[in-house]
């Protein structure tokens, strides 16, 4: 019985989704963004594996709810009472 790490499982899932890209491009993009943000995978190699351009994956990463507020300079949490 083989043990696969969470990253290896996600990479295998990305490969499967890439093969069915015509039907589920969005699913491949979501998985690729997750690999880049949470599993430390490189943007370029992950984009190629997902069938995306690095620019398209970068745009998807920038649009992610965890990243967009940082790029837009929106403070986290409720506003402070002194504002």
PDB file of N, CA and C in Angstrom:
ATOM      1  N   UNK A   1       0.847  -1.169   0.000  1.00  0.00           N
ATOM      2  CA  UNK A   1       0.000   0.000   0.000  1.00  0.00           C
ATOM      3  C   UNK A   1       0.897   1.237   0.000  1.00  0.00           C
ATOM      4  N   UNK A   2       0.675   2.101  -0.941  1.00  0.00           N
ATOM      5  CA  UNK A   2       1.507   3.292  -1.079  1.00  0.00           C
ATOM      6  C   UNK A   2       0.914   4.453  -0.294  1.00  0.00           C
ATOM      7  N   UNK A   3       1.786   5.288   0.231  1.00  0.00           N
ATOM      8  CA  UNK A   3       1.353   6.491   0.930  1.00  0.00           C
ATOM      9  C   UNK A   3       1.653   7.687   0.031  1.00  0.00           C
ATOM     10  N   UNK A   4       0.638   8.489  -0.195  1.00  0.00           N
ATOM     11  CA  UNK A   4       0.806   9.696  -1.005  1.00  0.00           C
ATOM     12  C   UNK A   4       0.536  10.915  -0.134  1.00  0.00           C
ATOM     13  N   UNK A   5       1.421  11.904  -0.206  1.00  0.00           N
ATOM     14  CA  UNK A   5       1.207  13.128   0.559  1.00  0.00           C
ATOM     15  C   UNK A   5       0.044  13.904  -0.060  1.00  0.00           C
ATOM     16  N   UNK A   6      -0.432  14.860   0.683  1.00  0.00           N
ATOM     17  CA  UNK A   6      -1.543  15.691   0.195  1.00  0.00           C
ATOM     18  C   UNK A   6      -1.151  16.396  -1.106  1.00  0.00           C
ATOM     19  N   UNK A   7       0.085  16.866  -1.188  1.00  0.00           N
ATOM     20  CA  UNK A   7       0.551  17.536  -2.398  1.00  0.00           C
ATOM     21  C   UNK A   7       0.573  16.576  -3.579  1.00  0.00           C
ATOM     22  N   UNK A   8       1.072  15.353  -3.363  1.00  0.00           N
ATOM     23  CA  UNK A   8       1.091  14.362  -4.446  1.00  0.00           C
ATOM     24  C   UNK A   8      -0.315  14.027  -4.917  1.00  0.00           C
ATOM     25  N   UNK A   9      -1.245  13.921  -3.982  1.00  0.00           N
ATOM     26  CA  UNK A   9      -2.635  13.656  -4.347  1.00  0.00           C
ATOM     27  C   UNK A   9      -3.201  14.793  -5.184  1.00  0.00           C
ATOM     28  N   UNK A  10      -2.896  16.032  -4.785  1.00  0.00           N
ATOM     29  CA  UNK A  10      -3.394  17.183  -5.543  1.00  0.00           C
ATOM     30  C   UNK A  10      -2.749  17.263  -6.926  1.00  0.00           C
ATOM     31  N   UNK A  11      -1.462  16.912  -7.010  1.00  0.00           N
ATOM     32  CA  UNK A  11      -0.798  16.915  -8.315  1.00  0.00           C
ATOM     33  C   UNK A  11      -1.412  15.859  -9.232  1.00  0.00           C
ATOM     34  N   UNK A  12      -1.724  14.678  -8.693  1.00  0.00           N
ATOM     35  CA  UNK A  12      -2.378  13.641  -9.499  1.00  0.00           C
ATOM     36  C   UNK A  12      -3.763  14.098  -9.934  1.00  0.00           C
ATOM     37  N   UNK A  13      -4.474  14.759  -9.003  1.00  0.00           N
ATOM     38  CA  UNK A  13      -5.802  15.285  -9.342  1.00  0.00           C
ATOM     39  C   UNK A  13      -5.698  16.333 -10.445  1.00  0.00           C
ATOM     40  N   UNK A  14      -4.684  17.193 -10.350  1.00  0.00           N
ATOM     41  CA  UNK A  14      -4.479  18.209 -11.376  1.00  0.00           C
ATOM     42  C   UNK A  14      -4.222  17.557 -12.737  1.00  0.00           C
ATOM     43  N   UNK A  15      -3.443  16.487 -12.760  1.00  0.00           N
ATOM     44  CA  UNK A  15      -3.190  15.783 -14.017  1.00  0.00           C
ATOM     45  C   UNK A  15      -4.479  15.223 -14.610  1.00  0.00           C
ATOM     46  N   UNK A  16      -5.336  14.650 -13.765  1.00  0.00           N
ATOM     47  CA  UNK A  16      -6.622  14.116 -14.251  1.00  0.00           C
ATOM     48  C   UNK A  16      -7.505  15.229 -14.784  1.00  0.00           C
ATOM     49  N   UNK A  17      -7.561  16.342 -14.042  1.00  0.00           N
ATOM     50  CA  UNK A  17      -8.393  17.465 -14.474  1.00  0.00           C
ATOM     51  C   UNK A  17      -7.851  18.086 -15.757  1.00  0.00           C
ATOM     52  N   UNK A  18      -6.549  18.070 -15.906  1.00  0.00           N
ATOM     53  CA  UNK A  18      -5.940  18.613 -17.127  1.00  0.00           C
ATOM     54  C   UNK A  18      -6.377  17.804 -18.338  1.00  0.00           C
ATOM     55  N   UNK A  19      -6.450  16.487 -18.186  1.00  0.00           N
ATOM     56  CA  UNK A  19      -6.854  15.627 -19.297  1.00  0.00           C
ATOM     57  C   UNK A  19      -8.304  15.882 -19.691  1.00  0.00           C
ATOM     58  N   UNK A  20      -9.105  16.287 -18.764  1.00  0.00           N
ATOM     59  CA  UNK A  20     -10.513  16.570 -19.052  1.00  0.00           C
ATOM     60  C   UNK A  20     -10.757  18.076 -19.109  1.00  0.00           C
ATOM     61  N   UNK A  21      -9.760  18.805 -19.560  1.00  0.00           N
ATOM     62  CA  UNK A  21      -9.779  20.268 -19.499  1.00  0.00           C
ATOM     63  C   UNK A  21     -10.931  20.897 -20.267  1.00  0.00           C
ATOM     64  N   UNK A  22     -11.331  20.314 -21.363  1.00  0.00           N
ATOM     65  CA  UNK A  22     -12.418  20.900 -22.135  1.00  0.00           C
ATOM     66  C   UNK A  22     -13.689  21.014 -21.309  1.00  0.00           C
ATOM     67  N   UNK A  23     -13.878  20.092 -20.393  1.00  0.00           N
ATOM     68  CA  UNK A  23     -15.082  20.063 -19.583  1.00  0.00           C
ATOM     69  C   UNK A  23     -14.913  20.848 -18.288  1.00  0.00           C
ATOM     70  N   UNK A  24     -13.730  20.826 -17.727  1.00  0.00           N
ATOM     71  CA  UNK A  24     -13.585  21.404 -16.379  1.00  0.00           C
ATOM     72  C   UNK A  24     -12.344  22.292 -16.239  1.00  0.00           C
ATOM     73  N   UNK A  25     -12.205  23.284 -17.091  1.00  0.00           N
ATOM     74  CA  UNK A  25     -11.083  24.224 -16.982  1.00  0.00           C
ATOM     75  C   UNK A  25     -11.104  24.935 -15.635  1.00  0.00           C
ATOM     76  N   UNK A  26     -12.284  25.277 -15.156  1.00  0.00           N
ATOM     77  CA  UNK A  26     -12.373  25.972 -13.873  1.00  0.00           C
ATOM     78  C   UNK A  26     -11.856  25.112 -12.728  1.00  0.00           C
ATOM     79  N   UNK A  27     -12.158  23.832 -12.738  1.00  0.00           N
ATOM     80  CA  UNK A  27     -11.688  22.932 -11.681  1.00  0.00           C
ATOM     81  C   UNK A  27     -10.167  22.837 -11.687  1.00  0.00           C
ATOM     82  N   UNK A  28      -9.570  22.766 -12.865  1.00  0.00           N
ATOM     83  CA  UNK A  28      -8.112  22.710 -12.961  1.00  0.00           C
ATOM     84  C   UNK A  28      -7.491  24.002 -12.445  1.00  0.00           C
ATOM     85  N   UNK A  29      -8.133  25.139 -12.740  1.00  0.00           N
ATOM     86  CA  UNK A  29      -7.617  26.428 -12.272  1.00  0.00           C
ATOM     87  C   UNK A  29      -7.692  26.518 -10.751  1.00  0.00           C
ATOM     88  N   UNK A  30      -8.799  26.087 -10.169  1.00  0.00           N
ATOM     89  CA  UNK A  30      -8.951  26.123  -8.708  1.00  0.00           C
ATOM     90  C   UNK A  30      -7.901  25.241  -8.044  1.00  0.00           C
ATOM     91  N   UNK A  31      -7.682  24.053  -8.582  1.00  0.00           N
ATOM     92  CA  UNK A  31      -6.682  23.153  -8.018  1.00  0.00           C
ATOM     93  C   UNK A  31      -5.283  23.745  -8.155  1.00  0.00           C
ATOM     94  N   UNK A  32      -4.999  24.354  -9.299  1.00  0.00           N
ATOM     95  CA  UNK A  32      -3.684  24.963  -9.518  1.00  0.00           C
ATOM     96  C   UNK A  32      -3.454  26.119  -8.547  1.00  0.00           C
ATOM     97  N   UNK A  33      -4.467  26.948  -8.326  1.00  0.00           N
ATOM     98  CA  UNK A  33      -4.344  28.054  -7.372  1.00  0.00           C
ATOM     99  C   UNK A  33      -4.076  27.506  -5.974  1.00  0.00           C
ATOM    100  N   UNK A  34      -4.774  26.447  -5.593  1.00  0.00           N
ATOM    101  CA  UNK A  34      -4.565  25.830  -4.280  1.00  0.00           C
ATOM    102  C   UNK A  34      -3.132  25.312  -4.145  1.00  0.00           C
ATOM    103  N   UNK A  35      -2.628  24.682  -5.185  1.00  0.00           N
ATOM    104  CA  UNK A  35      -1.254  24.174  -5.144  1.00  0.00           C
ATOM    105  C   UNK A  35      -0.245  25.303  -4.984  1.00  0.00           C
ATOM    106  N   UNK A  36      -0.467  26.416  -5.677  1.00  0.00           N
ATOM    107  CA  UNK A  36       0.462  27.547  -5.596  1.00  0.00           C
ATOM    108  C   UNK A  36       0.393  28.212  -4.222  1.00  0.00           C
ATOM    109  N   UNK A  37      -0.830  28.473  -3.749  1.00  0.00           N
ATOM    110  CA  UNK A  37      -0.986  29.217  -2.494  1.00  0.00           C
ATOM    111  C   UNK A  37      -0.703  28.390  -1.247  1.00  0.00           C
ATOM    112  N   UNK A  38      -1.185  27.168  -1.207  1.00  0.00           N
ATOM    113  CA  UNK A  38      -1.136  26.410   0.040  1.00  0.00           C
ATOM    114  C   UNK A  38      -0.109  25.289   0.072  1.00  0.00           C
ATOM    115  N   UNK A  39       0.439  24.922  -1.058  1.00  0.00           N
ATOM    116  CA  UNK A  39       1.379  23.804  -1.088  1.00  0.00           C
ATOM    117  C   UNK A  39       2.745  24.190  -1.648  1.00  0.00           C
ATOM    118  N   UNK A  40       2.956  25.475  -1.903  1.00  0.00           N
ATOM    119  CA  UNK A  40       4.276  25.961  -2.287  1.00  0.00           C
ATOM    120  C   UNK A  40       4.768  25.523  -3.660  1.00  0.00           C
ATOM    121  N   UNK A  41       3.877  25.150  -4.548  1.00  0.00           N
ATOM    122  CA  UNK A  41       4.295  24.745  -5.893  1.00  0.00           C
ATOM    123  C   UNK A  41       4.583  25.989  -6.731  1.00  0.00           C
ATOM    124  N   UNK A  42       5.517  25.873  -7.656  1.00  0.00           N
ATOM    125  CA  UNK A  42       5.892  26.988  -8.507  1.00  0.00           C
ATOM    126  C   UNK A  42       4.775  27.360  -9.482  1.00  0.00           C
ATOM    127  N   UNK A  43       4.677  28.640  -9.767  1.00  0.00           N
ATOM    128  CA  UNK A  43       3.620  29.142 -10.638  1.00  0.00           C
ATOM    129  C   UNK A  43       3.756  28.613 -12.064  1.00  0.00           C
ATOM    130  N   UNK A  44       4.941  28.713 -12.646  1.00  0.00           N
ATOM    131  CA  UNK A  44       5.146  28.293 -14.037  1.00  0.00           C
ATOM    132  C   UNK A  44       4.900  26.811 -14.279  1.00  0.00           C
ATOM    133  N   UNK A  45       5.569  25.933 -13.518  1.00  0.00           N
ATOM    134  CA  UNK A  45       5.349  24.499 -13.727  1.00  0.00           C
ATOM    135  C   UNK A  45       3.900  24.071 -13.467  1.00  0.00           C
ATOM    136  N   UNK A  46       3.275  24.673 -12.445  1.00  0.00           N
ATOM    137  CA  UNK A  46       1.891  24.330 -12.136  1.00  0.00           C
ATOM    138  C   UNK A  46       0.967  24.801 -13.258  1.00  0.00           C
ATOM    139  N   UNK A  47       1.228  25.970 -13.798  1.00  0.00           N
ATOM    140  CA  UNK A  47       0.414  26.487 -14.905  1.00  0.00           C
ATOM    141  C   UNK A  47       0.518  25.560 -16.114  1.00  0.00           C
ATOM    142  N   UNK A  48       1.734  25.146 -16.439  1.00  0.00           N
ATOM    143  CA  UNK A  48       1.904  24.241 -17.584  1.00  0.00           C
ATOM    144  C   UNK A  48       1.162  22.936 -17.363  1.00  0.00           C
ATOM    145  N   UNK A  49       1.248  22.405 -16.145  1.00  0.00           N
ATOM    146  CA  UNK A  49       0.561  21.146 -15.848  1.00  0.00           C
ATOM    147  C   UNK A  49      -0.944  21.290 -15.930  1.00  0.00           C
ATOM    148  N   UNK A  50      -1.452  22.466 -15.588  1.00  0.00           N
ATOM    149  CA  UNK A  50      -2.894  22.713 -15.616  1.00  0.00           C
ATOM    150  C   UNK A  50      -3.378  23.116 -17.003  1.00  0.00           C
ATOM    151  N   UNK A  51      -2.451  23.327 -17.939  1.00  0.00           N
ATOM    152  CA  UNK A  51      -2.843  23.741 -19.277  1.00  0.00           C
ATOM    153  C   UNK A  51      -3.156  25.218 -19.362  1.00  0.00           C
ATOM    154  N   UNK A  52      -2.576  26.001 -18.452  1.00  0.00           N
ATOM    155  CA  UNK A  52      -2.789  27.444 -18.422  1.00  0.00           C
ATOM    156  C   UNK A  52      -1.482  28.153 -18.740  1.00  0.00           C
ATOM    157  N   UNK A  53      -1.582  29.416 -19.070  1.00  0.00           N
ATOM    158  CA  UNK A  53      -0.368  30.213 -19.173  1.00  0.00           C
ATOM    159  C   UNK A  53      -0.021  30.695 -17.767  1.00  0.00           C
ATOM    160  N   UNK A  54       1.250  30.960 -17.502  1.00  0.00           N
ATOM    161  CA  UNK A  54       1.601  31.494 -16.185  1.00  0.00           C
ATOM    162  C   UNK A  54       0.852  32.793 -15.875  1.00  0.00           C
ATOM    163  N   UNK A  55       0.626  33.604 -16.897  1.00  0.00           N
ATOM    164  CA  UNK A  55      -0.099  34.864 -16.699  1.00  0.00           C
ATOM    165  C   UNK A  55      -1.538  34.600 -16.245  1.00  0.00           C
ATOM    166  N   UNK A  56      -2.205  33.642 -16.871  1.00  0.00           N
ATOM    167  CA  UNK A  56      -3.589  33.318 -16.508  1.00  0.00           C
ATOM    168  C   UNK A  56      -3.654  32.776 -15.079  1.00  0.00           C
ATOM    169  N   UNK A  57      -2.705  31.931 -14.693  1.00  0.00           N
ATOM    170  CA  UNK A  57      -2.686  31.404 -13.333  1.00  0.00           C
ATOM    171  C   UNK A  57      -2.378  32.520 -12.340  1.00  0.00           C
ATOM    172  N   UNK A  58      -1.472  33.417 -12.687  1.00  0.00           N
ATOM    173  CA  UNK A  58      -1.153  34.545 -11.808  1.00  0.00           C
ATOM    174  C   UNK A  58      -2.404  35.397 -11.576  1.00  0.00           C
ATOM    175  N   UNK A  59      -3.174  35.643 -12.641  1.00  0.00           N
ATOM    176  CA  UNK A  59      -4.407  36.414 -12.491  1.00  0.00           C
ATOM    177  C   UNK A  59      -5.392  35.690 -11.573  1.00  0.00           C
ATOM    178  N   UNK A  60      -5.490  34.376 -11.702  1.00  0.00           N
ATOM    179  CA  UNK A  60      -6.384  33.599 -10.842  1.00  0.00           C
ATOM    180  C   UNK A  60      -5.922  33.650  -9.388  1.00  0.00           C
ATOM    181  N   UNK A  61      -4.608  33.586  -9.169  1.00  0.00           N
ATOM    182  CA  UNK A  61      -4.074  33.684  -7.810  1.00  0.00           C
ATOM    183  C   UNK A  61      -4.382  35.062  -7.236  1.00  0.00           C
ATOM    184  N   UNK A  62      -4.203  36.108  -8.036  1.00  0.00           N
ATOM    185  CA  UNK A  62      -4.471  37.471  -7.563  1.00  0.00           C
ATOM    186  C   UNK A  62      -5.946  37.683  -7.266  1.00  0.00           C
ATOM    187  N   UNK A  63      -6.827  36.961  -7.935  1.00  0.00           N
ATOM    188  CA  UNK A  63      -8.271  37.095  -7.709  1.00  0.00           C
ATOM    189  C   UNK A  63      -8.752  36.253  -6.532  1.00  0.00           C
ATOM    190  N   UNK A  64      -7.905  35.396  -5.997  1.00  0.00           N
ATOM    191  CA  UNK A  64      -8.288  34.514  -4.886  1.00  0.00           C
ATOM    192  C   UNK A  64      -8.654  35.355  -3.664  1.00  0.00           C
ATOM    193  N   UNK A  65      -9.702  34.965  -2.924  1.00  0.00           N
ATOM    194  CA  UNK A  65     -10.154  35.754  -1.766  1.00  0.00           C
ATOM    195  C   UNK A  65      -9.102  35.974  -0.679  1.00  0.00           C
ATOM    196  N   UNK A  66      -8.094  35.107  -0.596  1.00  0.00           N
ATOM    197  CA  UNK A  66      -7.045  35.297   0.410  1.00  0.00           C
ATOM    198  C   UNK A  66      -5.986  36.295  -0.056  1.00  0.00           C
ATOM    199  N   UNK A  67      -5.863  36.489  -1.363  1.00  0.00           N
ATOM    200  CA  UNK A  67      -4.795  37.320  -1.900  1.00  0.00           C
ATOM    201  C   UNK A  67      -5.297  38.703  -2.313  1.00  0.00           C
ATOM    202  N   UNK A  68      -6.489  38.775  -2.878  1.00  0.00           N
ATOM    203  CA  UNK A  68      -7.010  40.036  -3.407  1.00  0.00           C
ATOM    204  C   UNK A  68      -7.012  41.171  -2.378  1.00  0.00           C
ATOM    205  N   UNK A  69      -7.464  40.944  -1.130  1.00  0.00           N
ATOM    206  CA  UNK A  69      -7.444  42.057  -0.164  1.00  0.00           C
ATOM    207  C   UNK A  69      -6.034  42.583   0.112  1.00  0.00           C
ATOM    208  N   UNK A  70      -5.061  41.698   0.099  1.00  0.00           N
ATOM    209  CA  UNK A  70      -3.678  42.123   0.332  1.00  0.00           C
ATOM    210  C   UNK A  70      -3.209  43.008  -0.812  1.00  0.00           C
ATOM    211  N   UNK A  71      -3.496  42.592  -2.043  1.00  0.00           N
ATOM    212  CA  UNK A  71      -3.063  43.366  -3.208  1.00  0.00           C
ATOM    213  C   UNK A  71      -3.784  44.704  -3.306  1.00  0.00           C
ATOM    214  N   UNK A  72      -5.042  44.733  -2.861  1.00  0.00           N
ATOM    215  CA  UNK A  72      -5.828  45.967  -2.929  1.00  0.00           C
ATOM    216  C   UNK A  72      -5.614  46.861  -1.715  1.00  0.00           C
ATOM    217  N   UNK A  73      -4.883  46.378  -0.723  1.00  0.00           N
ATOM    218  CA  UNK A  73      -4.597  47.168   0.473  1.00  0.00           C
ATOM    219  C   UNK A  73      -5.774  47.277   1.411  1.00  0.00           C
ATOM    220  N   UNK A  74      -6.687  46.319   1.368  1.00  0.00           N
ATOM    221  CA  UNK A  74      -7.842  46.330   2.261  1.00  0.00           C
ATOM    222  C   UNK A  74      -7.413  45.731   3.591  1.00  0.00           C
ATOM    223  N   UNK A  75      -7.598  46.458   4.702  1.00  0.00           N
ATOM    224  CA  UNK A  75      -7.182  45.910   5.999  1.00  0.00           C
ATOM    225  C   UNK A  75      -8.048  44.724   6.400  1.00  0.00           C
ATOM    226  N   UNK A  76      -7.442  43.797   7.132  1.00  0.00           N
ATOM    227  CA  UNK A  76      -8.169  42.618   7.593  1.00  0.00           C
ATOM    228  C   UNK A  76      -8.922  42.952   8.868  1.00  0.00           C
ATOM    229  N   UNK A  77     -10.029  42.285   9.070  1.00  0.00           N
ATOM    230  CA  UNK A  77     -10.795  42.439  10.289  1.00  0.00           C
ATOM    231  C   UNK A  77     -11.687  43.663  10.270  1.00  0.00           C
ATOM    232  N   UNK A  78     -12.413  43.876  11.370  1.00  0.00           N
ATOM    233  CA  UNK A  78     -13.318  45.032  11.444  1.00  0.00           C
ATOM    234  C   UNK A  78     -12.521  46.329  11.584  1.00  0.00           C
ATOM    235  N   UNK A  79     -13.114  47.433  11.150  1.00  0.00           N
ATOM    236  CA  UNK A  79     -12.397  48.724  11.266  1.00  0.00           C
ATOM    237  C   UNK A  79     -12.207  49.097  12.739  1.00  0.00           C
ATOM    238  N   UNK A  80     -11.110  49.768  13.018  1.00  0.00           N
ATOM    239  CA  UNK A  80     -10.840  50.172  14.399  1.00  0.00           C
ATOM    240  C   UNK A  80     -11.738  51.356  14.774  1.00  0.00           C
ATOM    241  N   UNK A  81     -12.078  51.506  16.051  1.00  0.00           N
ATOM    242  CA  UNK A  81     -13.010  52.562  16.475  1.00  0.00           C
ATOM    243  C   UNK A  81     -12.450  53.971  16.320  1.00  0.00           C
ATOM    244  N   UNK A  82     -11.132  54.132  16.217  1.00  0.00           N
ATOM    245  CA  UNK A  82     -10.563  55.464  16.103  1.00  0.00           C
ATOM    246  C   UNK A  82     -10.595  56.025  14.686  1.00  0.00           C
ATOM    247  N   UNK A  83     -11.163  55.284  13.739  1.00  0.00           N
ATOM    248  CA  UNK A  83     -11.234  55.783  12.346  1.00  0.00           C
ATOM    249  C   UNK A  83     -12.523  56.456  12.081  1.00  0.00           C
TER     250      UNK A  83
END
